[in-house]
Amino acid sequence: MIEGIVSDVILSDIVKERIRQNELKSAGRFKYTCADIEMTDADCLPVLVEEVGELSRALLESGKLANEKSFDLHGKDMRKELVQVAAIAVAWIERIDNRDKNS
């Protein structure tokens, strides 16, 4: 862990989500993840934006955009969606690194 920056739990949750994405791909739920070389940056952006949209929906449903200061049941949804956003970004970075390594 990088002290005060990110916890092992957060990083572990992101890794678990990346594993889940790969399992969904293996199960035929979708053809590629953003880590796959077949995906372009233009392909990855809508995937990331879709996840950000789900985060937005969780935020709206929680009332946070109405200036409420307390956490409620949807706080867990926001965290889950943020982990998914981070995992998509990590997958995209994996693809970029693999592409650059193979160039």
N, C-alpha and C. Protein backbone atom coordinates (compact mmCIF):
# COMPACT_ATOMS: atom_id res chain seq x y z
N MET A 1 0.84 -1.19 0.00
CA MET A 1 0.00 0.00 0.00
C MET A 1 0.88 1.24 0.00
N ILE A 2 0.46 2.24 -0.73
CA ILE A 2 1.12 3.54 -0.70
C ILE A 2 0.41 4.33 0.40
N GLU A 3 1.14 4.59 1.46
CA GLU A 3 0.56 5.22 2.66
C GLU A 3 -0.25 6.47 2.31
N GLY A 4 -1.51 6.45 2.72
CA GLY A 4 -2.37 7.61 2.55
C GLY A 4 -2.87 7.83 1.13
N ILE A 5 -2.46 7.01 0.19
CA ILE A 5 -2.86 7.20 -1.20
C ILE A 5 -3.98 6.22 -1.59
N VAL A 6 -3.70 4.95 -1.44
CA VAL A 6 -4.67 3.94 -1.84
C VAL A 6 -4.50 2.71 -0.94
N SER A 7 -5.61 2.11 -0.61
CA SER A 7 -5.53 0.95 0.28
C SER A 7 -5.45 -0.35 -0.51
N ASP A 8 -4.93 -1.37 0.14
CA ASP A 8 -4.86 -2.70 -0.45
C ASP A 8 -6.26 -3.22 -0.78
N VAL A 9 -7.24 -2.86 0.03
CA VAL A 9 -8.61 -3.31 -0.20
C VAL A 9 -9.13 -2.74 -1.52
N ILE A 10 -8.88 -1.47 -1.75
CA ILE A 10 -9.34 -0.85 -3.00
C ILE A 10 -8.67 -1.50 -4.20
N LEU A 11 -7.37 -1.65 -4.13
CA LEU A 11 -6.66 -2.28 -5.25
C LEU A 11 -7.12 -3.71 -5.47
N SER A 12 -7.36 -4.44 -4.40
CA SER A 12 -7.85 -5.81 -4.49
C SER A 12 -9.22 -5.84 -5.16
N ASP A 13 -10.08 -4.92 -4.81
CA ASP A 13 -11.42 -4.86 -5.41
C ASP A 13 -11.33 -4.58 -6.91
N ILE A 14 -10.40 -3.73 -7.31
CA ILE A 14 -10.22 -3.43 -8.73
C ILE A 14 -9.71 -4.67 -9.46
N VAL A 15 -8.76 -5.38 -8.87
CA VAL A 15 -8.25 -6.62 -9.48
C VAL A 15 -9.37 -7.65 -9.59
N LYS A 16 -10.17 -7.80 -8.55
CA LYS A 16 -11.30 -8.74 -8.60
C LYS A 16 -12.27 -8.38 -9.71
N GLU A 17 -12.49 -7.10 -9.91
CA GLU A 17 -13.39 -6.66 -10.98
C GLU A 17 -12.79 -6.96 -12.35
N ARG A 18 -11.48 -6.81 -12.51
CA ARG A 18 -10.83 -7.16 -13.78
C ARG A 18 -10.98 -8.65 -14.04
N ILE A 19 -10.82 -9.45 -13.00
CA ILE A 19 -11.00 -10.90 -13.14
C ILE A 19 -12.44 -11.21 -13.55
N ARG A 20 -13.40 -10.53 -12.92
CA ARG A 20 -14.81 -10.72 -13.24
C ARG A 20 -15.09 -10.36 -14.70
N GLN A 21 -14.48 -9.27 -15.17
CA GLN A 21 -14.65 -8.88 -16.57
C GLN A 21 -14.15 -9.97 -17.51
N ASN A 22 -13.00 -10.52 -17.20
CA ASN A 22 -12.45 -11.60 -18.03
C ASN A 22 -13.32 -12.84 -17.99
N GLU A 23 -13.89 -13.14 -16.83
CA GLU A 23 -14.80 -14.28 -16.70
C GLU A 23 -16.06 -14.06 -17.53
N LEU A 24 -16.59 -12.84 -17.51
CA LEU A 24 -17.78 -12.53 -18.32
C LEU A 24 -17.48 -12.68 -19.80
N LYS A 25 -16.29 -12.26 -20.21
CA LYS A 25 -15.88 -12.42 -21.61
C LYS A 25 -15.79 -13.91 -21.94
N SER A 26 -15.17 -14.69 -21.07
CA SER A 26 -15.05 -16.14 -21.30
C SER A 26 -16.41 -16.82 -21.38
N ALA A 27 -17.37 -16.30 -20.63
CA ALA A 27 -18.73 -16.86 -20.63
C ALA A 27 -19.54 -16.39 -21.83
N GLY A 28 -18.94 -15.54 -22.67
CA GLY A 28 -19.63 -15.08 -23.87
C GLY A 28 -20.51 -13.86 -23.67
N ARG A 29 -20.42 -13.25 -22.52
CA ARG A 29 -21.25 -12.06 -22.24
C ARG A 29 -20.89 -10.90 -23.16
N PHE A 30 -19.61 -10.77 -23.47
CA PHE A 30 -19.15 -9.81 -24.48
C PHE A 30 -17.89 -10.35 -25.13
N LYS A 31 -17.59 -9.82 -26.31
CA LYS A 31 -16.51 -10.36 -27.14
C LYS A 31 -15.14 -9.95 -26.65
N TYR A 32 -15.00 -8.71 -26.20
CA TYR A 32 -13.70 -8.19 -25.78
C TYR A 32 -13.83 -7.40 -24.49
N THR A 33 -12.70 -7.26 -23.80
CA THR A 33 -12.59 -6.27 -22.73
C THR A 33 -11.67 -5.17 -23.25
N CYS A 34 -11.58 -4.09 -22.54
CA CYS A 34 -10.70 -3.00 -22.95
C CYS A 34 -9.23 -3.38 -22.89
N ALA A 35 -8.92 -4.53 -22.32
CA ALA A 35 -7.53 -5.01 -22.28
C ALA A 35 -7.13 -5.70 -23.57
N ASP A 36 -8.11 -6.07 -24.39
CA ASP A 36 -7.82 -6.83 -25.61
C ASP A 36 -7.31 -5.92 -26.71
N ILE A 37 -6.27 -6.39 -27.38
CA ILE A 37 -5.60 -5.62 -28.43
C ILE A 37 -6.55 -5.30 -29.58
N GLU A 38 -7.61 -6.10 -29.73
CA GLU A 38 -8.59 -5.84 -30.80
C GLU A 38 -9.38 -4.55 -30.57
N MET A 39 -9.41 -4.09 -29.34
CA MET A 39 -10.13 -2.86 -29.01
C MET A 39 -9.24 -1.65 -29.33
N THR A 40 -9.86 -0.62 -29.86
CA THR A 40 -9.14 0.64 -30.10
C THR A 40 -9.47 1.61 -28.97
N ASP A 41 -8.75 2.70 -28.93
CA ASP A 41 -9.09 3.73 -27.94
C ASP A 41 -10.53 4.20 -28.16
N ALA A 42 -10.92 4.34 -29.41
CA ALA A 42 -12.29 4.75 -29.73
C ALA A 42 -13.32 3.71 -29.29
N ASP A 43 -12.93 2.43 -29.23
CA ASP A 43 -13.83 1.39 -28.73
C ASP A 43 -13.92 1.42 -27.21
N CYS A 44 -12.80 1.75 -26.56
CA CYS A 44 -12.75 1.71 -25.09
C CYS A 44 -13.48 2.88 -24.44
N LEU A 45 -13.43 4.02 -25.08
CA LEU A 45 -14.05 5.20 -24.46
C LEU A 45 -15.54 5.02 -24.17
N PRO A 46 -16.36 4.52 -25.11
CA PRO A 46 -17.77 4.32 -24.77
C PRO A 46 -17.99 3.32 -23.63
N VAL A 47 -17.12 2.33 -23.52
CA VAL A 47 -17.23 1.36 -22.42
C VAL A 47 -17.01 2.08 -21.10
N LEU A 48 -15.98 2.90 -21.04
CA LEU A 48 -15.68 3.67 -19.83
C LEU A 48 -16.81 4.66 -19.53
N VAL A 49 -17.29 5.34 -20.55
CA VAL A 49 -18.35 6.33 -20.36
C VAL A 49 -19.63 5.66 -19.88
N GLU A 50 -19.91 4.46 -20.38
CA GLU A 50 -21.11 3.73 -19.93
C GLU A 50 -21.02 3.45 -18.43
N GLU A 51 -19.83 3.06 -17.97
CA GLU A 51 -19.65 2.83 -16.54
C GLU A 51 -19.79 4.12 -15.74
N VAL A 52 -19.27 5.21 -16.28
CA VAL A 52 -19.42 6.51 -15.61
C VAL A 52 -20.91 6.89 -15.55
N GLY A 53 -21.64 6.54 -16.61
CA GLY A 53 -23.09 6.78 -16.61
C GLY A 53 -23.80 6.01 -15.51
N GLU A 54 -23.37 4.77 -15.27
CA GLU A 54 -23.96 3.99 -14.19
C GLU A 54 -23.63 4.61 -12.83
N LEU A 55 -22.43 5.13 -12.70
CA LEU A 55 -22.05 5.84 -11.48
C LEU A 55 -22.94 7.07 -11.31
N SER A 56 -23.18 7.77 -12.38
CA SER A 56 -24.04 8.95 -12.35
C SER A 56 -25.45 8.60 -11.89
N ARG A 57 -25.96 7.48 -12.42
CA ARG A 57 -27.29 7.03 -12.02
C ARG A 57 -27.33 6.70 -10.53
N ALA A 58 -26.30 6.02 -10.04
CA ALA A 58 -26.25 5.70 -8.61
C ALA A 58 -26.20 6.97 -7.77
N LEU A 59 -25.48 7.96 -8.25
CA LEU A 59 -25.40 9.25 -7.55
C LEU A 59 -26.75 9.94 -7.53
N LEU A 60 -27.42 9.96 -8.66
CA LEU A 60 -28.76 10.57 -8.72
C LEU A 60 -29.73 9.86 -7.79
N GLU A 61 -29.70 8.52 -7.81
CA GLU A 61 -30.62 7.75 -6.99
C GLU A 61 -30.34 7.93 -5.50
N SER A 62 -29.10 8.26 -5.17
CA SER A 62 -28.75 8.43 -3.76
C SER A 62 -29.17 9.78 -3.23
N GLY A 63 -29.52 10.72 -4.11
CA GLY A 63 -29.88 12.06 -3.68
C GLY A 63 -28.68 12.96 -3.49
N LYS A 64 -27.48 12.48 -3.79
CA LYS A 64 -26.28 13.28 -3.57
C LYS A 64 -26.27 14.55 -4.41
N LEU A 65 -26.90 14.50 -5.57
CA LEU A 65 -26.92 15.69 -6.42
C LEU A 65 -27.92 16.71 -5.91
N ALA A 66 -28.71 16.33 -4.93
CA ALA A 66 -29.67 17.25 -4.32
C ALA A 66 -29.09 17.86 -3.05
N ASN A 67 -27.77 17.80 -2.92
CA ASN A 67 -27.05 18.39 -1.79
C ASN A 67 -27.28 17.70 -0.46
N GLU A 68 -27.71 16.46 -0.48
CA GLU A 68 -27.82 15.72 0.77
C GLU A 68 -26.42 15.37 1.24
N LYS A 69 -26.19 15.47 2.53
CA LYS A 69 -24.84 15.25 3.06
C LYS A 69 -24.66 13.88 3.70
N SER A 70 -25.72 13.10 3.84
CA SER A 70 -25.58 11.81 4.50
C SER A 70 -25.46 10.69 3.47
N PHE A 71 -24.83 9.60 3.88
CA PHE A 71 -24.75 8.42 3.02
C PHE A 71 -25.99 7.57 3.24
N ASP A 72 -26.38 6.88 2.22
CA ASP A 72 -27.54 6.00 2.34
C ASP A 72 -27.21 4.66 1.69
N LEU A 73 -28.22 3.87 1.43
CA LEU A 73 -28.01 2.53 0.88
C LEU A 73 -27.33 2.55 -0.48
N HIS A 74 -27.50 3.61 -1.24
CA HIS A 74 -26.91 3.65 -2.57
C HIS A 74 -25.41 3.97 -2.53
N GLY A 75 -24.87 4.30 -1.38
CA GLY A 75 -23.44 4.54 -1.27
C GLY A 75 -22.65 3.33 -1.72
N LYS A 76 -23.17 2.14 -1.43
CA LYS A 76 -22.51 0.91 -1.87
C LYS A 76 -22.54 0.80 -3.39
N ASP A 77 -23.64 1.22 -4.01
CA ASP A 77 -23.72 1.20 -5.47
C ASP A 77 -22.69 2.15 -6.06
N MET A 78 -22.51 3.31 -5.46
CA MET A 78 -21.53 4.26 -5.98
C MET A 78 -20.13 3.67 -5.89
N ARG A 79 -19.81 3.04 -4.79
CA ARG A 79 -18.49 2.43 -4.64
C ARG A 79 -18.28 1.33 -5.67
N LYS A 80 -19.30 0.48 -5.84
CA LYS A 80 -19.23 -0.60 -6.82
C LYS A 80 -19.00 -0.04 -8.21
N GLU A 81 -19.72 0.99 -8.56
CA GLU A 81 -19.58 1.60 -9.89
C GLU A 81 -18.21 2.25 -10.05
N LEU A 82 -17.70 2.88 -9.00
CA LEU A 82 -16.36 3.47 -9.07
C LEU A 82 -15.30 2.40 -9.28
N VAL A 83 -15.45 1.26 -8.61
CA VAL A 83 -14.51 0.15 -8.81
C VAL A 83 -14.58 -0.31 -10.26
N GLN A 84 -15.78 -0.38 -10.83
CA GLN A 84 -15.91 -0.80 -12.22
C GLN A 84 -15.28 0.22 -13.17
N VAL A 85 -15.46 1.51 -12.89
CA VAL A 85 -14.82 2.55 -13.70
C VAL A 85 -13.30 2.38 -13.64
N ALA A 86 -12.78 2.18 -12.44
CA ALA A 86 -11.33 2.01 -12.28
C ALA A 86 -10.84 0.77 -13.01
N ALA A 87 -11.59 -0.32 -12.95
CA ALA A 87 -11.19 -1.57 -13.60
C ALA A 87 -11.19 -1.42 -15.12
N ILE A 88 -12.16 -0.70 -15.66
CA ILE A 88 -12.18 -0.44 -17.11
C ILE A 88 -10.96 0.39 -17.49
N ALA A 89 -10.64 1.40 -16.70
CA ALA A 89 -9.47 2.22 -16.97
C ALA A 89 -8.19 1.38 -16.90
N VAL A 90 -8.10 0.49 -15.92
CA VAL A 90 -6.93 -0.39 -15.80
C VAL A 90 -6.83 -1.30 -17.03
N ALA A 91 -7.94 -1.85 -17.46
CA ALA A 91 -7.94 -2.71 -18.65
C ALA A 91 -7.44 -1.94 -19.87
N TRP A 92 -7.90 -0.72 -20.01
CA TRP A 92 -7.49 0.12 -21.13
C TRP A 92 -5.98 0.37 -21.07
N ILE A 93 -5.47 0.65 -19.88
CA ILE A 93 -4.03 0.85 -19.70
C ILE A 93 -3.27 -0.44 -20.04
N GLU A 94 -3.81 -1.60 -19.64
CA GLU A 94 -3.18 -2.89 -19.98
C GLU A 94 -3.04 -3.02 -21.49
N ARG A 95 -4.11 -2.68 -22.22
CA ARG A 95 -4.08 -2.80 -23.68
C ARG A 95 -3.03 -1.86 -24.27
N ILE A 96 -2.99 -0.63 -23.80
CA ILE A 96 -2.00 0.33 -24.29
C ILE A 96 -0.59 -0.18 -24.03
N ASP A 97 -0.35 -0.66 -22.82
CA ASP A 97 0.99 -1.18 -22.48
C ASP A 97 1.35 -2.38 -23.36
N ASN A 98 0.39 -3.29 -23.58
CA ASN A 98 0.66 -4.46 -24.42
C ASN A 98 0.90 -4.04 -25.87
N ARG A 99 0.13 -3.08 -26.34
CA ARG A 99 0.31 -2.59 -27.71
C ARG A 99 1.69 -1.97 -27.87
N ASP A 100 2.08 -1.14 -26.91
CA ASP A 100 3.38 -0.48 -26.99
C ASP A 100 4.53 -1.48 -26.87
N LYS A 101 4.32 -2.52 -26.06
CA LYS A 101 5.35 -3.56 -25.88
C LYS A 101 5.54 -4.34 -27.17
N ASN A 102 4.47 -4.52 -27.93
CA ASN A 102 4.52 -5.29 -29.16
C ASN A 102 4.84 -4.44 -30.38
N SER A 103 5.06 -3.17 -30.20
CA SER A 103 5.36 -2.29 -31.35
C SER A 103 6.85 -2.25 -31.65
